[in-house]
Amino acid sequence: MRRTHPLIEPALAVEDWHTVKPAWGSDDTPAWSGHGTRMAGVGLYGDLVPLLVGGDPVPLPFRLESVRILPCVFQAIVSTDFTAS
């Protein structure tokens, strides 16, 4: 997921942002169309409409942790070695 997204950053510390293969990096990539970032946002906030209409501060009752388990490039899945070397 994109840790620097303004709605994600308050809930995701750098030390909680991981990857199974360091060469892949931890950030969301265009190949996945922001899937991790979007799912994290839904998990963290749910439906944003009432929050935006209300205008009140939004308490975050929990923190996020992210682990990239798939490569950055979609085509690489077929031939990727998923061991953590």
Foldseek 3Di string as FASTA:
>chain_A
DACPDPQQVVFEDPVQFEELEPVQPRHAAVQVPCVVVVVVNCVFPNDCVVVVVVVDDDDGPHHDGYYHQDHNHPVCRVPDDRHSD
